Amino acid sequence: MVRRSSTENFERIAHLTDRVVLKQADLLDQLSLIKIMEEFQPDEIYNLAAMSFVPTSWNQPMLTGEFTAIGVTRVLEAMRQICPKARFYQASSSEMFGKVREVPQTELTAFHPRSPYGAAKAYGHYITVNYRESYNLFAVSGILFNHESPRRGREFCDPENQRWRGPHQARLGTRSAHGQPGFPTRLGICRRLRPGHVDDAPTAATG
């Protein structure tokens, strides 16, 4: 599922476009989600969509909430109405931890988000729990830390990313921050959506 745009930007998935069907829908439009589920009757649903650049979430906090928080509810509600036997995966984020209470973080670490993006992700995480427990849906989350790849956008200027992009200069933030990004081909979706594993939200990282 992709959002409609006047300019197509499928550069990062160009190697897949002959193997997948791209259908237009929008997390802001409940009817479009219902129609696409009616058409395809999916067995598995992976929600990887979000307003995902943290600094932008401060400039557009309400839009961030619509996409990254309420958008999850729209997908879950469409699934509940149309294909309640499907299995749903929500990509949660380490940004939910925010002002961390312990190092390293685990599945039991309390959330204290420090940005509109982190707060919206926390909502998406807990609404997934609520739909699972209230409607007996197969709905799980995975808490993902930073992941890097040559296909990641230029706005994500982690040093690992810069090495892939060549000798371009960039001014980065504090040097005291520590983190080890994972590589998607090693990380992947942290678990296959399979029966009997719906009561937890695994934390996934490499390094």
N, C-alpha and C. Protein backbone atom coordinates (compact mmCIF):
# COMPACT_ATOMS: atom_id res chain seq x y z
N MET A 1 0.84 -1.18 0.00
CA MET A 1 0.00 0.00 0.00
C MET A 1 0.88 1.24 0.00
N VAL A 2 0.59 2.20 -0.86
CA VAL A 2 1.36 3.44 -0.96
C VAL A 2 0.40 4.62 -1.00
N ARG A 3 0.88 5.77 -0.55
CA ARG A 3 0.09 7.00 -0.66
C ARG A 3 0.19 7.54 -2.08
N ARG A 4 -0.91 8.13 -2.53
CA ARG A 4 -0.88 8.77 -3.83
C ARG A 4 -0.03 10.03 -3.78
N SER A 5 0.77 10.24 -4.80
CA SER A 5 1.59 11.44 -4.90
C SER A 5 1.65 11.86 -6.36
N SER A 6 1.73 13.16 -6.60
CA SER A 6 1.83 13.64 -7.98
C SER A 6 3.15 13.22 -8.61
N THR A 7 4.15 12.96 -7.77
CA THR A 7 5.45 12.49 -8.24
C THR A 7 5.77 11.16 -7.58
N GLU A 8 5.88 10.12 -8.35
CA GLU A 8 6.19 8.81 -7.79
C GLU A 8 7.63 8.78 -7.30
N ASN A 9 7.83 8.16 -6.15
CA ASN A 9 9.17 8.08 -5.59
C ASN A 9 9.39 6.65 -5.07
N PHE A 10 9.59 5.74 -6.02
CA PHE A 10 9.78 4.34 -5.67
C PHE A 10 11.24 3.91 -5.88
N GLU A 11 12.14 4.88 -5.85
CA GLU A 11 13.55 4.61 -6.11
C GLU A 11 14.10 3.51 -5.20
N ARG A 12 13.70 3.55 -3.92
CA ARG A 12 14.29 2.61 -2.96
C ARG A 12 13.74 1.19 -3.09
N ILE A 13 12.62 1.04 -3.79
CA ILE A 13 12.06 -0.31 -3.97
C ILE A 13 12.01 -0.68 -5.45
N ALA A 14 12.82 -0.01 -6.25
CA ALA A 14 12.81 -0.26 -7.70
C ALA A 14 13.09 -1.72 -8.01
N HIS A 15 13.91 -2.37 -7.19
CA HIS A 15 14.26 -3.77 -7.43
C HIS A 15 13.11 -4.73 -7.11
N LEU A 16 12.00 -4.20 -6.53
CA LEU A 16 10.88 -5.04 -6.15
C LEU A 16 9.61 -4.79 -6.96
N THR A 17 9.58 -3.72 -7.73
CA THR A 17 8.32 -3.30 -8.33
C THR A 17 7.76 -4.31 -9.32
N ASP A 18 8.59 -5.18 -9.88
CA ASP A 18 8.07 -6.20 -10.79
C ASP A 18 7.60 -7.45 -10.06
N ARG A 19 7.71 -7.43 -8.70
CA ARG A 19 7.32 -8.61 -7.91
C ARG A 19 6.19 -8.32 -6.94
N VAL A 20 5.77 -7.06 -6.84
CA VAL A 20 4.71 -6.69 -5.90
C VAL A 20 3.67 -5.83 -6.63
N VAL A 21 2.47 -5.79 -6.07
CA VAL A 21 1.41 -4.93 -6.57
C VAL A 21 1.29 -3.73 -5.63
N LEU A 22 1.45 -2.54 -6.15
CA LEU A 22 1.35 -1.31 -5.36
C LEU A 22 -0.06 -0.74 -5.52
N LYS A 23 -0.78 -0.62 -4.41
CA LYS A 23 -2.13 -0.08 -4.42
C LYS A 23 -2.18 1.19 -3.59
N GLN A 24 -2.94 2.18 -4.09
CA GLN A 24 -3.03 3.46 -3.40
C GLN A 24 -4.06 3.40 -2.28
N ALA A 25 -3.66 3.90 -1.13
CA ALA A 25 -4.56 4.10 0.02
C ALA A 25 -3.85 5.08 0.93
N ASP A 26 -4.51 5.45 2.04
CA ASP A 26 -3.95 6.50 2.89
C ASP A 26 -4.36 6.27 4.33
N LEU A 27 -3.40 6.40 5.25
CA LEU A 27 -3.71 6.23 6.67
C LEU A 27 -4.65 7.31 7.19
N LEU A 28 -4.81 8.40 6.46
CA LEU A 28 -5.73 9.45 6.87
C LEU A 28 -7.16 9.20 6.37
N ASP A 29 -7.33 8.18 5.55
CA ASP A 29 -8.61 7.92 4.89
C ASP A 29 -9.09 6.52 5.24
N GLN A 30 -10.01 6.43 6.19
CA GLN A 30 -10.50 5.14 6.66
C GLN A 30 -11.12 4.32 5.54
N LEU A 31 -11.88 4.96 4.66
CA LEU A 31 -12.56 4.23 3.59
C LEU A 31 -11.57 3.56 2.65
N SER A 32 -10.46 4.23 2.36
CA SER A 32 -9.48 3.63 1.46
C SER A 32 -8.86 2.38 2.07
N LEU A 33 -8.68 2.36 3.39
CA LEU A 33 -8.14 1.18 4.07
C LEU A 33 -9.14 0.03 4.04
N ILE A 34 -10.41 0.36 4.25
CA ILE A 34 -11.45 -0.68 4.20
C ILE A 34 -11.53 -1.28 2.79
N LYS A 35 -11.49 -0.43 1.77
CA LYS A 35 -11.60 -0.92 0.39
C LYS A 35 -10.43 -1.82 0.01
N ILE A 36 -9.21 -1.44 0.43
CA ILE A 36 -8.06 -2.25 0.04
C ILE A 36 -8.07 -3.60 0.76
N MET A 37 -8.59 -3.64 1.98
CA MET A 37 -8.70 -4.92 2.68
C MET A 37 -9.83 -5.78 2.10
N GLU A 38 -10.90 -5.15 1.68
CA GLU A 38 -11.97 -5.89 1.02
C GLU A 38 -11.47 -6.52 -0.27
N GLU A 39 -10.64 -5.79 -1.00
CA GLU A 39 -10.15 -6.28 -2.29
C GLU A 39 -9.18 -7.44 -2.13
N PHE A 40 -8.26 -7.34 -1.15
CA PHE A 40 -7.18 -8.32 -1.06
C PHE A 40 -7.38 -9.36 0.04
N GLN A 41 -8.24 -9.09 1.02
CA GLN A 41 -8.46 -10.03 2.13
C GLN A 41 -7.11 -10.58 2.64
N PRO A 42 -6.25 -9.72 3.17
CA PRO A 42 -4.89 -10.17 3.53
C PRO A 42 -4.88 -11.14 4.70
N ASP A 43 -3.88 -12.01 4.69
CA ASP A 43 -3.63 -12.90 5.82
C ASP A 43 -2.70 -12.24 6.84
N GLU A 44 -1.82 -11.37 6.37
CA GLU A 44 -0.88 -10.67 7.24
C GLU A 44 -0.84 -9.19 6.85
N ILE A 45 -0.75 -8.32 7.84
CA ILE A 45 -0.70 -6.87 7.64
C ILE A 45 0.48 -6.33 8.43
N TYR A 46 1.39 -5.64 7.76
CA TYR A 46 2.56 -5.04 8.41
C TYR A 46 2.44 -3.52 8.30
N ASN A 47 2.31 -2.84 9.42
CA ASN A 47 2.23 -1.38 9.39
C ASN A 47 3.60 -0.79 9.68
N LEU A 48 4.29 -0.39 8.63
CA LEU A 48 5.61 0.24 8.75
C LEU A 48 5.52 1.74 8.48
N ALA A 49 4.32 2.25 8.28
CA ALA A 49 4.14 3.65 7.90
C ALA A 49 4.17 4.56 9.13
N ALA A 50 4.73 5.75 8.95
CA ALA A 50 4.76 6.75 10.03
C ALA A 50 5.33 8.05 9.49
N MET A 51 5.03 9.14 10.18
CA MET A 51 5.78 10.38 10.00
C MET A 51 7.03 10.20 10.85
N SER A 52 8.12 9.72 10.23
CA SER A 52 9.17 9.07 11.01
C SER A 52 10.41 9.93 11.29
N PHE A 53 10.46 11.16 10.81
CA PHE A 53 11.64 11.99 11.07
C PHE A 53 11.37 12.83 12.31
N VAL A 54 12.07 12.53 13.39
CA VAL A 54 11.76 13.10 14.70
C VAL A 54 11.74 14.63 14.70
N PRO A 55 12.76 15.34 14.14
CA PRO A 55 12.69 16.81 14.15
C PRO A 55 11.44 17.36 13.47
N THR A 56 10.99 16.72 12.39
CA THR A 56 9.78 17.18 11.70
C THR A 56 8.55 17.02 12.57
N SER A 57 8.56 16.04 13.47
CA SER A 57 7.40 15.84 14.34
C SER A 57 7.16 17.04 15.25
N TRP A 58 8.20 17.81 15.54
CA TRP A 58 8.01 19.03 16.33
C TRP A 58 7.40 20.14 15.48
N ASN A 59 7.71 20.17 14.19
CA ASN A 59 7.14 21.18 13.30
C ASN A 59 5.71 20.86 12.89
N GLN A 60 5.38 19.56 12.86
CA GLN A 60 4.06 19.12 12.45
C GLN A 60 3.51 18.10 13.45
N PRO A 61 3.30 18.52 14.70
CA PRO A 61 2.90 17.55 15.73
C PRO A 61 1.53 16.94 15.49
N MET A 62 0.59 17.74 14.98
CA MET A 62 -0.76 17.20 14.78
C MET A 62 -0.80 16.21 13.62
N LEU A 63 -0.10 16.53 12.53
CA LEU A 63 -0.03 15.60 11.41
C LEU A 63 0.70 14.32 11.81
N THR A 64 1.73 14.46 12.64
CA THR A 64 2.44 13.29 13.15
C THR A 64 1.49 12.39 13.94
N GLY A 65 0.64 13.01 14.77
CA GLY A 65 -0.33 12.23 15.52
C GLY A 65 -1.34 11.53 14.62
N GLU A 66 -1.78 12.22 13.56
CA GLU A 66 -2.75 11.62 12.65
C GLU A 66 -2.17 10.39 11.94
N PHE A 67 -0.95 10.50 11.45
CA PHE A 67 -0.35 9.38 10.74
C PHE A 67 0.13 8.28 11.69
N THR A 68 0.94 8.67 12.67
CA THR A 68 1.72 7.71 13.44
C THR A 68 0.93 7.12 14.59
N ALA A 69 -0.09 7.83 15.08
CA ALA A 69 -0.92 7.33 16.18
C ALA A 69 -2.29 6.89 15.67
N ILE A 70 -3.12 7.84 15.24
CA ILE A 70 -4.48 7.52 14.82
C ILE A 70 -4.48 6.63 13.58
N GLY A 71 -3.46 6.76 12.73
CA GLY A 71 -3.36 5.90 11.55
C GLY A 71 -3.32 4.43 11.91
N VAL A 72 -2.67 4.10 13.02
CA VAL A 72 -2.62 2.70 13.47
C VAL A 72 -4.03 2.23 13.83
N THR A 73 -4.79 3.09 14.52
CA THR A 73 -6.16 2.75 14.88
C THR A 73 -7.01 2.51 13.65
N ARG A 74 -6.82 3.32 12.61
CA ARG A 74 -7.61 3.15 11.39
C ARG A 74 -7.31 1.80 10.74
N VAL A 75 -6.05 1.42 10.72
CA VAL A 75 -5.70 0.12 10.12
C VAL A 75 -6.30 -1.02 10.94
N LEU A 76 -6.17 -0.93 12.27
CA LEU A 76 -6.71 -1.98 13.13
C LEU A 76 -8.24 -2.07 13.02
N GLU A 77 -8.89 -0.92 12.93
CA GLU A 77 -10.35 -0.93 12.84
C GLU A 77 -10.81 -1.50 11.49
N ALA A 78 -10.10 -1.16 10.42
CA ALA A 78 -10.43 -1.75 9.12
C ALA A 78 -10.22 -3.26 9.15
N MET A 79 -9.14 -3.70 9.76
CA MET A 79 -8.88 -5.13 9.89
C MET A 79 -9.97 -5.81 10.72
N ARG A 80 -10.37 -5.18 11.81
CA ARG A 80 -11.41 -5.76 12.67
C ARG A 80 -12.72 -5.94 11.91
N GLN A 81 -13.05 -4.98 11.06
CA GLN A 81 -14.31 -5.03 10.33
C GLN A 81 -14.26 -6.00 9.15
N ILE A 82 -13.14 -6.05 8.44
CA ILE A 82 -13.09 -6.75 7.16
C ILE A 82 -12.40 -8.11 7.24
N CYS A 83 -11.28 -8.19 7.95
CA CYS A 83 -10.52 -9.45 7.96
C CYS A 83 -9.98 -9.71 9.37
N PRO A 84 -10.85 -9.98 10.33
CA PRO A 84 -10.43 -10.13 11.73
C PRO A 84 -9.54 -11.34 11.99
N LYS A 85 -9.45 -12.26 11.03
CA LYS A 85 -8.57 -13.42 11.21
C LYS A 85 -7.15 -13.15 10.73
N ALA A 86 -6.92 -11.98 10.16
CA ALA A 86 -5.58 -11.63 9.69
C ALA A 86 -4.64 -11.42 10.88
N ARG A 87 -3.36 -11.41 10.60
CA ARG A 87 -2.34 -11.17 11.62
C ARG A 87 -1.70 -9.81 11.36
N PHE A 88 -1.61 -9.01 12.41
CA PHE A 88 -1.19 -7.60 12.28
C PHE A 88 0.11 -7.38 13.03
N TYR A 89 1.05 -6.68 12.37
CA TYR A 89 2.33 -6.30 12.99
C TYR A 89 2.47 -4.78 12.97
N GLN A 90 2.72 -4.19 14.14
CA GLN A 90 2.95 -2.76 14.27
C GLN A 90 4.43 -2.51 14.55
N ALA A 91 5.06 -1.68 13.72
CA ALA A 91 6.46 -1.33 13.93
C ALA A 91 6.55 -0.24 14.99
N SER A 92 6.80 -0.62 16.23
CA SER A 92 7.01 0.35 17.31
C SER A 92 8.46 0.83 17.28
N SER A 93 8.80 1.77 18.14
CA SER A 93 10.10 2.44 18.04
C SER A 93 10.76 2.60 19.40
N SER A 94 12.09 2.57 19.39
CA SER A 94 12.85 2.84 20.62
C SER A 94 12.65 4.28 21.09
N GLU A 95 12.13 5.17 20.21
CA GLU A 95 11.85 6.54 20.62
C GLU A 95 10.78 6.59 21.70
N MET A 96 10.02 5.53 21.88
CA MET A 96 9.03 5.48 22.96
C MET A 96 9.69 5.50 24.32
N PHE A 97 10.91 4.97 24.42
CA PHE A 97 11.62 4.96 25.70
C PHE A 97 12.01 6.38 26.12
N GLY A 98 12.44 7.20 25.14
CA GLY A 98 12.74 8.60 25.40
C GLY A 98 13.74 8.81 26.53
N LYS A 99 13.27 9.39 27.63
CA LYS A 99 14.10 9.61 28.81
C LYS A 99 14.19 8.27 29.55
N VAL A 100 15.20 7.50 29.20
CA VAL A 100 15.23 6.09 29.61
C VAL A 100 15.41 5.95 31.12
N ARG A 101 14.78 4.91 31.66
CA ARG A 101 14.85 4.61 33.09
C ARG A 101 15.96 3.62 33.40
N GLU A 102 16.43 2.89 32.38
CA GLU A 102 17.47 1.89 32.59
C GLU A 102 18.21 1.65 31.28
N VAL A 103 19.45 1.18 31.41
CA VAL A 103 20.28 0.86 30.26
C VAL A 103 20.87 -0.54 30.47
N PRO A 104 20.71 -1.44 29.49
CA PRO A 104 19.93 -1.28 28.26
C PRO A 104 18.44 -1.39 28.53
N GLN A 105 17.64 -1.02 27.55
CA GLN A 105 16.20 -1.13 27.67
C GLN A 105 15.75 -2.55 27.33
N THR A 106 14.65 -2.95 27.93
CA THR A 106 14.06 -4.26 27.65
C THR A 106 12.58 -4.07 27.34
N GLU A 107 11.89 -5.18 27.14
CA GLU A 107 10.45 -5.12 26.88
C GLU A 107 9.68 -4.59 28.08
N LEU A 108 10.29 -4.59 29.28
CA LEU A 108 9.61 -4.15 30.49
C LEU A 108 9.97 -2.72 30.90
N THR A 109 10.87 -2.07 30.16
CA THR A 109 11.26 -0.70 30.49
C THR A 109 10.08 0.26 30.25
N ALA A 110 9.85 1.15 31.21
CA ALA A 110 8.74 2.11 31.09
C ALA A 110 9.01 3.10 29.96
N PHE A 111 7.94 3.53 29.28
CA PHE A 111 8.05 4.53 28.22
C PHE A 111 8.01 5.94 28.81
N HIS A 112 8.85 6.83 28.25
CA HIS A 112 8.84 8.25 28.61
C HIS A 112 9.24 9.03 27.36
N PRO A 113 8.37 9.05 26.33
CA PRO A 113 8.75 9.67 25.06
C PRO A 113 9.05 11.15 25.20
N ARG A 114 9.98 11.64 24.38
CA ARG A 114 10.44 13.02 24.47
C ARG A 114 10.22 13.79 23.17
N SER A 115 9.33 13.32 22.33
CA SER A 115 9.02 14.03 21.08
C SER A 115 7.61 13.65 20.66
N PRO A 116 6.97 14.47 19.82
CA PRO A 116 5.66 14.08 19.29
C PRO A 116 5.71 12.74 18.57
N TYR A 117 6.81 12.47 17.88
CA TYR A 117 6.94 11.18 17.21
C TYR A 117 6.94 10.03 18.21
N GLY A 118 7.75 10.15 19.28
CA GLY A 118 7.80 9.10 20.29
C GLY A 118 6.46 8.90 20.97
N ALA A 119 5.76 10.03 21.28
CA ALA A 119 4.46 9.93 21.93
C ALA A 119 3.44 9.27 21.01
N ALA A 120 3.48 9.61 19.70
CA ALA A 120 2.55 9.01 18.75
C ALA A 120 2.83 7.52 18.59
N LYS A 121 4.10 7.14 18.59
CA LYS A 121 4.46 5.72 18.50
C LYS A 121 3.98 4.96 19.74
N ALA A 122 4.07 5.60 20.90
CA ALA A 122 3.58 4.95 22.13
C ALA A 122 2.08 4.71 22.05
N TYR A 123 1.35 5.67 21.50
CA TYR A 123 -0.09 5.48 21.29
C TYR A 123 -0.33 4.29 20.37
N GLY A 124 0.37 4.26 19.23
CA GLY A 124 0.20 3.17 18.29
C GLY A 124 0.50 1.82 18.91
N HIS A 125 1.52 1.80 19.78
CA HIS A 125 1.90 0.58 20.47
C HIS A 125 0.78 0.10 21.39
N TYR A 126 0.24 1.01 22.18
CA TYR A 126 -0.77 0.60 23.16
C TYR A 126 -2.14 0.37 22.54
N ILE A 127 -2.45 1.06 21.43
CA ILE A 127 -3.74 0.78 20.78
C ILE A 127 -3.70 -0.61 20.16
N THR A 128 -2.52 -1.05 19.74
CA THR A 128 -2.38 -2.43 19.25
C THR A 128 -2.66 -3.42 20.37
N VAL A 129 -2.11 -3.16 21.55
CA VAL A 129 -2.39 -4.01 22.72
C VAL A 129 -3.89 -4.03 23.01
N ASN A 130 -4.51 -2.84 22.98
CA ASN A 130 -5.93 -2.76 23.32
C ASN A 130 -6.81 -3.51 22.32
N TYR A 131 -6.52 -3.40 21.03
CA TYR A 131 -7.31 -4.14 20.05
C TYR A 131 -7.11 -5.64 20.20
N ARG A 132 -5.89 -6.06 20.52
CA ARG A 132 -5.64 -7.48 20.74
C ARG A 132 -6.45 -8.01 21.92
N GLU A 133 -6.41 -7.28 23.01
CA GLU A 133 -7.06 -7.76 24.23
C GLU A 133 -8.58 -7.57 24.19
N SER A 134 -9.05 -6.54 23.53
CA SER A 134 -10.49 -6.25 23.50
C SER A 134 -11.24 -7.06 22.45
N TYR A 135 -10.59 -7.30 21.30
CA TYR A 135 -11.28 -7.97 20.19
C TYR A 135 -10.69 -9.33 19.86
N ASN A 136 -9.71 -9.77 20.65
CA ASN A 136 -9.08 -11.08 20.42
C ASN A 136 -8.48 -11.18 19.02
N LEU A 137 -7.87 -10.08 18.57
CA LEU A 137 -7.19 -10.07 17.27
C LEU A 137 -5.75 -10.55 17.44
N PHE A 138 -5.19 -11.04 16.35
CA PHE A 138 -3.76 -11.34 16.33
C PHE A 138 -3.06 -10.03 15.97
N ALA A 139 -2.65 -9.27 16.97
CA ALA A 139 -2.04 -7.95 16.76
C ALA A 139 -0.83 -7.82 17.68
N VAL A 140 0.36 -7.68 17.11
CA VAL A 140 1.59 -7.62 17.89
C VAL A 140 2.43 -6.43 17.45
N SER A 141 3.37 -6.06 18.29
CA SER A 141 4.31 -4.98 17.98
C SER A 141 5.74 -5.49 18.12
N GLY A 142 6.65 -4.79 17.47
CA GLY A 142 8.08 -5.02 17.67
C GLY A 142 8.73 -3.68 17.91
N ILE A 143 9.49 -3.54 19.00
CA ILE A 143 10.14 -2.27 19.34
C ILE A 143 11.51 -2.25 18.65
N LEU A 144 11.65 -1.41 17.63
CA LEU A 144 12.84 -1.41 16.79
C LEU A 144 13.74 -0.22 17.10
N PHE A 145 15.04 -0.50 17.18
CA PHE A 145 16.04 0.56 17.35
C PHE A 145 16.52 1.00 15.96
N ASN A 146 17.49 1.92 15.92
CA ASN A 146 17.95 2.46 14.64
C ASN A 146 18.41 1.35 13.71
N HIS A 147 18.07 1.49 12.46
CA HIS A 147 18.50 0.54 11.45
C HIS A 147 18.98 1.34 10.24
N GLU A 148 20.06 0.88 9.64
CA GLU A 148 20.71 1.63 8.56
C GLU A 148 20.79 0.78 7.30
N SER A 149 20.86 1.46 6.17
CA SER A 149 20.95 0.79 4.88
C SER A 149 21.27 1.84 3.83
N PRO A 150 21.88 1.45 2.71
CA PRO A 150 22.11 2.41 1.63
C PRO A 150 20.82 3.01 1.08
N ARG A 151 19.67 2.37 1.34
CA ARG A 151 18.41 2.88 0.81
C ARG A 151 17.73 3.85 1.76
N ARG A 152 18.29 4.09 2.93
CA ARG A 152 17.64 4.99 3.88
C ARG A 152 17.79 6.43 3.42
N GLY A 153 16.82 7.29 3.75
CA GLY A 153 16.82 8.67 3.29
C GLY A 153 18.01 9.47 3.78
N ARG A 154 18.38 10.50 3.02
CA ARG A 154 19.55 11.31 3.35
C ARG A 154 19.36 12.11 4.63
N GLU A 155 18.09 12.33 5.03
CA GLU A 155 17.87 13.11 6.25
C GLU A 155 18.30 12.37 7.51
N PHE A 156 18.47 11.04 7.39
CA PHE A 156 18.93 10.25 8.53
C PHE A 156 20.45 10.13 8.43
N CYS A 157 21.14 11.08 9.08
CA CYS A 157 22.58 11.25 8.84
C CYS A 157 23.44 10.53 9.87
N ASP A 158 23.14 9.29 10.20
CA ASP A 158 24.00 8.56 11.11
C ASP A 158 25.34 8.31 10.45
N PRO A 159 26.42 8.21 11.22
CA PRO A 159 27.74 8.00 10.64
C PRO A 159 27.79 6.77 9.73
N GLU A 160 27.08 5.71 10.11
CA GLU A 160 27.05 4.50 9.28
C GLU A 160 26.49 4.83 7.91
N ASN A 161 25.44 5.63 7.90
CA ASN A 161 24.81 6.04 6.65
C ASN A 161 25.78 6.87 5.83
N GLN A 162 26.51 7.78 6.47
CA GLN A 162 27.42 8.65 5.76
C GLN A 162 28.53 7.86 5.06
N ARG A 163 29.00 6.78 5.67
CA ARG A 163 30.03 5.97 5.03
C ARG A 163 29.51 5.38 3.72
N TRP A 164 28.24 4.96 3.70
CA TRP A 164 27.68 4.43 2.47
C TRP A 164 27.55 5.52 1.40
N ARG A 165 27.31 6.75 1.85
CA ARG A 165 26.99 7.81 0.89
C ARG A 165 28.24 8.51 0.35
N GLY A 166 29.40 8.15 0.85
CA GLY A 166 30.61 8.73 0.31
C GLY A 166 31.13 9.88 1.14
N PRO A 167 32.18 10.55 0.68
CA PRO A 167 32.89 11.56 1.49
C PRO A 167 32.19 12.91 1.50
N HIS A 168 30.90 12.94 1.84
CA HIS A 168 30.20 14.22 1.95
C HIS A 168 30.28 14.71 3.38
N GLN A 169 30.51 15.99 3.57
CA GLN A 169 30.60 16.54 4.91
C GLN A 169 29.21 16.79 5.47
N ALA A 170 29.08 16.61 6.76
CA ALA A 170 27.80 16.87 7.42
C ALA A 170 28.06 17.31 8.84
N ARG A 171 27.27 18.25 9.34
CA ARG A 171 27.36 18.68 10.72
C ARG A 171 26.32 17.90 11.52
N LEU A 172 26.78 17.12 12.48
CA LEU A 172 25.90 16.27 13.27
C LEU A 172 25.74 16.85 14.67
N GLY A 173 24.94 16.21 15.49
CA GLY A 173 24.65 16.70 16.84
C GLY A 173 25.69 16.28 17.85
N THR A 174 25.25 16.08 19.10
CA THR A 174 26.17 15.81 20.19
C THR A 174 27.03 14.58 19.95
N ARG A 175 28.29 14.68 20.29
CA ARG A 175 29.20 13.54 20.16
C ARG A 175 29.11 12.60 21.35
N SER A 176 28.37 13.00 22.37
CA SER A 176 28.28 12.16 23.57
C SER A 176 27.21 11.08 23.45
N ALA A 177 26.39 11.16 22.39
CA ALA A 177 25.34 10.15 22.22
C ALA A 177 25.96 8.85 21.73
N HIS A 178 25.44 7.74 22.21
CA HIS A 178 25.96 6.43 21.84
C HIS A 178 24.83 5.57 21.31
N GLY A 179 25.10 4.88 20.24
CA GLY A 179 24.11 3.96 19.67
C GLY A 179 24.75 3.13 18.59
N GLN A 180 24.28 1.92 18.42
CA GLN A 180 24.81 1.04 17.39
C GLN A 180 23.67 0.65 16.46
N PRO A 181 23.67 1.17 15.24
CA PRO A 181 22.58 0.84 14.33
C PRO A 181 22.66 -0.60 13.87
N GLY A 182 21.50 -1.17 13.56
CA GLY A 182 21.46 -2.50 13.00
C GLY A 182 21.28 -2.41 11.49
N PHE A 183 21.61 -3.50 10.81
CA PHE A 183 21.43 -3.56 9.36
C PHE A 183 20.18 -4.37 9.05
N PRO A 184 19.28 -3.85 8.21
CA PRO A 184 17.98 -4.50 8.03
C PRO A 184 18.05 -5.96 7.63
N THR A 185 19.05 -6.33 6.79
CA THR A 185 19.10 -7.72 6.36
C THR A 185 19.45 -8.65 7.51
N ARG A 186 20.09 -8.11 8.57
CA ARG A 186 20.35 -8.92 9.75
C ARG A 186 19.17 -8.86 10.71
N LEU A 187 18.52 -7.69 10.75
CA LEU A 187 17.45 -7.48 11.70
C LEU A 187 16.13 -8.04 11.19
N GLY A 188 15.73 -7.56 10.02
CA GLY A 188 14.47 -8.03 9.44
C GLY A 188 13.30 -7.75 10.36
N ILE A 189 12.14 -8.29 10.04
CA ILE A 189 11.03 -8.29 10.98
C ILE A 189 11.38 -9.30 12.04
N CYS A 190 11.34 -8.88 13.31
CA CYS A 190 11.96 -9.66 14.37
C CYS A 190 11.29 -10.99 14.63
N ARG A 191 10.14 -11.19 14.12
CA ARG A 191 9.53 -12.51 14.20
C ARG A 191 8.50 -12.70 13.10
N ARG A 192 8.33 -13.93 12.69
CA ARG A 192 7.27 -14.23 11.77
C ARG A 192 5.96 -14.20 12.53
N LEU A 193 4.91 -13.70 11.91
CA LEU A 193 3.63 -13.64 12.58
C LEU A 193 3.04 -15.05 12.63
N ARG A 194 3.15 -15.69 13.77
CA ARG A 194 2.70 -17.06 13.87
C ARG A 194 1.81 -17.24 15.09
N PRO A 195 0.85 -18.15 15.05
CA PRO A 195 -0.06 -18.36 16.17
C PRO A 195 0.69 -18.72 17.44
N GLY A 196 0.15 -18.26 18.56
CA GLY A 196 0.72 -18.63 19.85
C GLY A 196 1.75 -17.67 20.38
N HIS A 197 2.02 -16.57 19.66
CA HIS A 197 3.03 -15.61 20.11
C HIS A 197 2.47 -14.20 19.97
N VAL A 198 1.42 -13.91 20.74
CA VAL A 198 0.76 -12.62 20.58
C VAL A 198 0.74 -11.79 21.85
N ASP A 199 1.35 -12.22 22.92
CA ASP A 199 1.18 -11.52 24.19
C ASP A 199 2.38 -10.64 24.56
N ASP A 200 3.36 -10.52 23.67
CA ASP A 200 4.52 -9.71 24.03
C ASP A 200 4.91 -8.83 22.86
N ALA A 201 5.80 -7.88 23.14
CA ALA A 201 6.29 -6.97 22.10
C ALA A 201 7.82 -7.02 22.16
N PRO A 202 8.46 -7.84 21.34
CA PRO A 202 9.90 -7.99 21.44
C PRO A 202 10.65 -6.72 21.07
N THR A 203 11.79 -6.48 21.73
CA THR A 203 12.68 -5.39 21.39
C THR A 203 13.73 -5.94 20.44
N ALA A 204 13.92 -5.30 19.30
CA ALA A 204 14.81 -5.84 18.27
C ALA A 204 15.92 -4.84 17.97
N ALA A 205 17.17 -5.31 18.07
CA ALA A 205 18.32 -4.49 17.76
C ALA A 205 19.48 -5.40 17.39
N THR A 206 20.46 -4.85 16.68
CA THR A 206 21.68 -5.59 16.41
C THR A 206 22.86 -4.73 16.83
N GLY A 207 24.05 -5.30 16.82
CA GLY A 207 25.23 -4.53 17.19
C GLY A 207 26.10 -5.30 18.13
